[in-house]
Amino acid sequence: MGSCAEKCATEYNISREDQDRYATESYNRSREAMELGVFDEEIVAVEGPKTRSKSSSDPINTDEEPNSVSLDKLPSLRAAFQKDGTVTAGNASSINDGAAALVIMEESRAVAMGLEPLARIRGYADAEGPPVRFTTAPSNAAPIAVQRAGLTMQDVEYHEINEAFSVVALANMLILNLDPAKTNVFGGAVSLGHPIGMSGARIVGSLYQVLKRSDATIGCASICNGGGGASAIVLERLT
């Protein structure tokens, strides 16, 4: 997958500096969001040691990754997948553990149970291409999901694109002509982590928080997979 990211960087002329700069911004955004308490509504505290050397069971109620990196060292990291490459451990998503859960039901059922829905799913889609091009598959899935929602890409106020690698977000923003200031507003997988099997739910939850705090209505979340495919979902915030 790292070699595919390198191919993507070459094809779209995305430099090492571009990727390091994006990674730095991802960390800065996630750190600022943490300070503002943005993630507090999303996180359920768990008991456990914060480090291997610490035996006490203190509650873990913040993500550990955003503050674990010295950003000034990013330019000095070695390329991870090929000699003189551009993808490093610092500008790729980190290896983390995590879990997420979402509740999806018909609106009538929610009303009957006395629940207030947070958002409505307006549309969703899967798309695929050659496995080597998995990095840009979100740019195929997102427009289909938006079209199925009866909207245009211009109607989407905010985007979440899973940062499997910095180059993934950069390439898809380039292809879809997205505003970086309205994409991954509170950071992404580079700075928060990319637990396999959890990230899709995480970016949907983060998208809702962005919409809520920005008093916006329509958002799109998209995520690639290693087989060449991607999934996308369009949300309409209700509350």
Protein backbone atom coordinates (compact mmCIF):
# COMPACT_ATOMS: atom_id res chain seq x y z
CA MET A 1 0.00 0.00 0.00
CA GLY A 2 2.89 2.32 0.71
CA SER A 3 4.27 1.70 -2.78
CA CYS A 4 0.86 2.63 -4.19
CA ALA A 5 1.00 5.86 -2.20
CA GLU A 6 4.38 6.60 -3.75
CA LYS A 7 2.94 5.99 -7.22
CA CYS A 8 0.10 8.36 -6.42
CA ALA A 9 2.53 11.04 -5.28
CA THR A 10 4.46 10.76 -8.52
CA GLU A 11 1.36 10.77 -10.71
CA TYR A 12 -0.11 13.88 -9.09
CA ASN A 13 3.21 15.63 -8.53
CA ILE A 14 2.82 15.73 -4.75
CA SER A 15 6.17 16.27 -3.10
CA ARG A 16 7.65 15.11 0.19
CA GLU A 17 7.36 18.70 1.40
CA ASP A 18 3.68 18.80 0.45
CA GLN A 19 3.02 15.63 2.44
CA ASP A 20 5.01 16.74 5.49
CA ARG A 21 3.24 20.09 5.43
CA TYR A 22 -0.14 18.34 5.26
CA ALA A 23 0.79 15.99 8.11
CA THR A 24 1.86 18.94 10.26
CA GLU A 25 -1.48 20.62 9.61
CA SER A 26 -3.34 17.42 10.50
CA TYR A 27 -1.55 17.23 13.84
CA ASN A 28 -2.12 20.91 14.53
CA ARG A 29 -5.81 20.61 13.75
CA SER A 30 -6.31 17.56 15.95
CA ARG A 31 -4.36 19.15 18.82
CA GLU A 32 -6.43 22.31 18.62
CA ALA A 33 -9.64 20.27 18.47
CA MET A 34 -8.58 18.36 21.58
CA GLU A 35 -7.87 21.60 23.45
CA LEU A 36 -11.32 22.89 22.50
CA GLY A 37 -12.99 19.68 23.68
CA VAL A 38 -14.29 18.84 20.22
CA PHE A 39 -13.79 15.10 20.70
CA ASP A 40 -15.24 14.95 24.20
CA GLU A 41 -18.72 14.05 22.92
CA GLU A 42 -17.27 11.23 20.81
CA ILE A 43 -15.02 9.51 23.36
CA VAL A 44 -16.02 7.01 26.02
CA ALA A 45 -13.27 6.71 28.64
CA VAL A 46 -11.72 3.28 29.18
CA GLU A 47 -9.60 2.00 32.03
CA GLY A 48 -6.04 0.93 31.40
CA PRO A 49 -2.38 1.88 31.57
CA LYS A 50 -1.40 4.80 29.39
CA THR A 51 2.04 3.34 28.73
CA ARG A 52 3.59 -0.09 28.98
CA SER A 53 5.74 1.06 31.86
CA LYS A 54 2.81 2.38 33.87
CA SER A 55 0.82 -0.19 35.80
CA SER A 56 -1.89 2.06 37.27
CA SER A 57 -5.33 1.92 35.66
CA ASP A 58 -6.00 5.58 34.97
CA PRO A 59 -8.93 6.40 32.69
CA ILE A 60 -7.95 7.03 29.08
CA ASN A 61 -10.23 9.75 27.75
CA THR A 62 -8.12 11.44 25.09
CA ASP A 63 -6.40 10.22 21.96
CA GLU A 64 -2.71 9.60 22.56
CA GLU A 65 -1.39 10.02 19.02
CA PRO A 66 -1.79 13.79 18.42
CA ASN A 67 0.70 14.74 21.14
CA SER A 68 3.14 11.89 20.59
CA VAL A 69 5.03 13.43 17.68
CA SER A 70 7.69 16.13 17.47
CA LEU A 71 6.63 17.90 14.31
CA ASP A 72 10.02 19.49 13.76
CA LYS A 73 11.45 16.02 13.14
CA LEU A 74 9.12 15.17 10.25
CA PRO A 75 11.50 16.42 7.52
CA SER A 76 14.33 14.24 8.85
CA LEU A 77 12.41 10.93 8.74
CA ARG A 78 13.49 8.34 6.19
CA ALA A 79 11.24 7.29 3.34
CA ALA A 80 9.44 4.13 4.39
CA PHE A 81 8.75 2.31 1.13
CA GLN A 82 11.35 3.19 -1.47
CA LYS A 83 14.74 4.85 -1.64
CA ASP A 84 14.39 8.59 -2.15
CA GLY A 85 10.63 8.19 -1.70
CA THR A 86 8.20 10.72 -0.28
CA VAL A 87 6.04 8.66 2.09
CA THR A 88 7.31 8.36 5.67
CA ALA A 89 6.01 7.10 8.98
CA GLY A 90 5.35 10.73 9.86
CA ASN A 91 3.15 11.65 6.91
CA ALA A 92 1.27 8.35 6.86
CA SER A 93 -1.43 7.23 9.27
CA SER A 94 -0.14 5.77 12.52
CA ILE A 95 -0.80 2.28 13.90
CA ASN A 96 -3.39 2.51 16.65
CA ASP A 97 -6.04 0.53 18.48
CA GLY A 98 -9.58 1.82 18.65
CA ALA A 99 -13.27 1.03 18.41
CA ALA A 100 -16.35 2.95 17.34
CA ALA A 101 -20.09 2.37 17.22
CA LEU A 102 -22.97 4.07 15.44
CA VAL A 103 -26.72 3.53 15.68
CA ILE A 104 -28.66 3.60 12.40
CA MET A 105 -32.44 3.18 12.21
CA GLU A 106 -35.50 4.34 10.36
CA GLU A 107 -36.70 7.79 11.39
CA SER A 108 -40.12 6.45 12.33
CA ARG A 109 -38.53 3.94 14.67
CA ALA A 110 -36.42 6.64 16.32
CA VAL A 111 -39.50 8.78 16.87
CA ALA A 112 -41.40 5.82 18.31
CA MET A 113 -38.55 5.25 20.78
CA GLY A 114 -38.42 8.90 21.77
CA LEU A 115 -35.00 9.40 20.20
CA GLU A 116 -33.84 12.51 18.37
CA PRO A 117 -31.81 11.63 15.25
CA LEU A 118 -28.54 13.49 14.84
CA ALA A 119 -28.36 13.19 11.07
CA ARG A 120 -30.01 11.65 8.03
CA ILE A 121 -28.18 9.51 5.47
CA ARG A 122 -28.91 11.22 2.17
CA GLY A 123 -26.85 8.94 -0.03
CA TYR A 124 -24.01 6.43 -0.12
CA ALA A 125 -21.91 4.65 -2.71
CA ASP A 126 -19.04 2.27 -3.34
CA ALA A 127 -16.63 2.59 -6.24
CA GLU A 128 -13.59 0.68 -7.34
CA GLY A 129 -10.63 0.77 -9.65
CA PRO A 130 -7.29 -1.00 -10.05
CA PRO A 131 -5.85 -1.97 -6.65
CA VAL A 132 -2.75 0.14 -7.30
CA ARG A 133 -5.03 3.19 -7.51
CA PHE A 134 -6.84 2.65 -4.24
CA THR A 135 -5.46 5.97 -3.06
CA THR A 136 -7.75 7.98 -5.33
CA ALA A 137 -10.82 5.73 -5.17
CA PRO A 138 -12.64 8.17 -2.81
CA SER A 139 -12.75 10.65 -5.70
CA ASN A 140 -14.84 8.07 -7.58
CA ALA A 141 -17.16 7.16 -4.70
CA ALA A 142 -17.92 10.62 -3.31
CA PRO A 143 -19.53 12.10 -6.48
CA ILE A 144 -21.74 9.03 -6.86
CA ALA A 145 -22.92 9.28 -3.26
CA VAL A 146 -23.59 12.99 -3.71
CA GLN A 147 -25.53 12.38 -6.92
CA ARG A 148 -27.62 9.69 -5.23
CA ALA A 149 -28.37 12.20 -2.49
CA GLY A 150 -29.89 14.47 -5.12
CA LEU A 151 -27.15 17.02 -4.61
CA THR A 152 -24.13 18.45 -6.40
CA MET A 153 -20.58 18.56 -5.10
CA GLN A 154 -21.04 22.30 -4.61
CA ASP A 155 -23.83 21.55 -2.12
CA VAL A 156 -21.42 19.69 0.18
CA GLU A 157 -20.19 22.06 2.86
CA TYR A 158 -17.58 19.83 4.52
CA HIS A 159 -15.65 16.68 3.64
CA GLU A 160 -13.93 13.97 5.63
CA ILE A 161 -11.44 11.91 3.61
CA ASN A 162 -9.66 9.20 5.54
CA GLU A 163 -5.97 10.00 5.75
CA ALA A 164 -4.52 6.57 5.10
CA PHE A 165 -1.56 8.61 3.87
CA SER A 166 -1.21 12.36 3.55
CA VAL A 167 -0.98 11.89 -0.19
CA VAL A 168 -4.43 10.27 -0.19
CA ALA A 169 -6.11 13.38 1.17
CA LEU A 170 -4.00 15.66 -1.01
CA ALA A 171 -4.69 13.75 -4.24
CA ASN A 172 -8.43 13.46 -3.66
CA MET A 173 -8.75 17.14 -2.73
CA LEU A 174 -6.90 17.95 -5.95
CA ILE A 175 -9.08 15.72 -8.12
CA LEU A 176 -12.35 16.90 -6.55
CA ASN A 177 -11.24 20.54 -6.27
CA LEU A 178 -12.02 20.66 -2.55
CA ASP A 179 -11.24 23.49 -0.16
CA PRO A 180 -8.52 22.24 2.26
CA ALA A 181 -9.99 24.47 4.97
CA LYS A 182 -13.23 22.49 4.77
CA THR A 183 -11.70 19.04 4.56
CA ASN A 184 -10.70 17.05 7.67
CA VAL A 185 -11.30 20.15 9.76
CA PHE A 186 -10.34 18.54 13.08
CA GLY A 187 -7.44 16.48 11.73
CA GLY A 188 -7.53 12.96 10.39
CA ALA A 189 -5.97 9.52 10.49
CA VAL A 190 -2.41 10.83 10.14
CA SER A 191 -2.69 12.54 13.50
CA LEU A 192 -5.50 10.60 15.18
CA GLY A 193 -4.72 7.08 13.97
CA HIS A 194 -6.23 4.59 11.56
CA PRO A 195 -7.45 1.50 13.46
CA ILE A 196 -8.52 -0.90 10.71
CA GLY A 197 -12.26 -1.60 10.89
CA MET A 198 -12.94 1.50 12.98
CA SER A 199 -11.95 4.42 10.77
CA GLY A 200 -15.13 4.50 8.67
CA ALA A 201 -17.32 5.00 11.72
CA ARG A 202 -14.84 7.48 13.18
CA ILE A 203 -14.86 9.81 10.19
CA VAL A 204 -18.68 9.74 10.07
CA GLY A 205 -18.78 10.80 13.73
CA SER A 206 -16.17 13.48 13.12
CA LEU A 207 -18.10 14.75 10.10
CA TYR A 208 -21.19 15.21 12.25
CA GLN A 209 -19.16 17.18 14.81
CA VAL A 210 -17.83 19.44 12.06
CA LEU A 211 -21.32 20.08 10.73
CA LYS A 212 -22.69 20.74 14.22
CA ARG A 213 -19.95 23.13 15.30
CA SER A 214 -20.01 24.97 11.98
CA ASP A 215 -23.83 25.17 11.92
CA ALA A 216 -23.66 23.45 8.54
CA THR A 217 -26.05 20.91 7.05
CA ILE A 218 -24.48 18.74 4.35
CA GLY A 219 -21.25 16.75 4.59
CA CYS A 220 -19.58 13.84 2.82
CA ALA A 221 -17.24 11.23 4.31
CA SER A 222 -15.18 8.91 2.12
CA ILE A 223 -12.63 6.20 2.75
CA CYS A 224 -10.46 4.02 0.52
CA ASN A 225 -9.62 0.35 0.97
CA GLY A 226 -6.59 -1.67 0.03
CA GLY A 227 -8.33 -3.58 -2.75
CA GLY A 228 -8.82 -0.59 -5.00
CA GLY A 229 -12.24 0.43 -3.75
CA ALA A 230 -13.74 3.20 -1.66
CA SER A 231 -16.97 4.00 0.16
CA ALA A 232 -18.67 7.35 0.64
CA ILE A 233 -21.67 8.61 2.58
CA VAL A 234 -23.55 11.91 2.52
CA LEU A 235 -25.04 13.20 5.79
CA GLU A 236 -27.64 15.85 6.43
CA ARG A 237 -27.37 17.19 9.97
CA LEU A 238 -30.70 17.34 11.78
CA THR A 239 -29.75 18.51 15.27
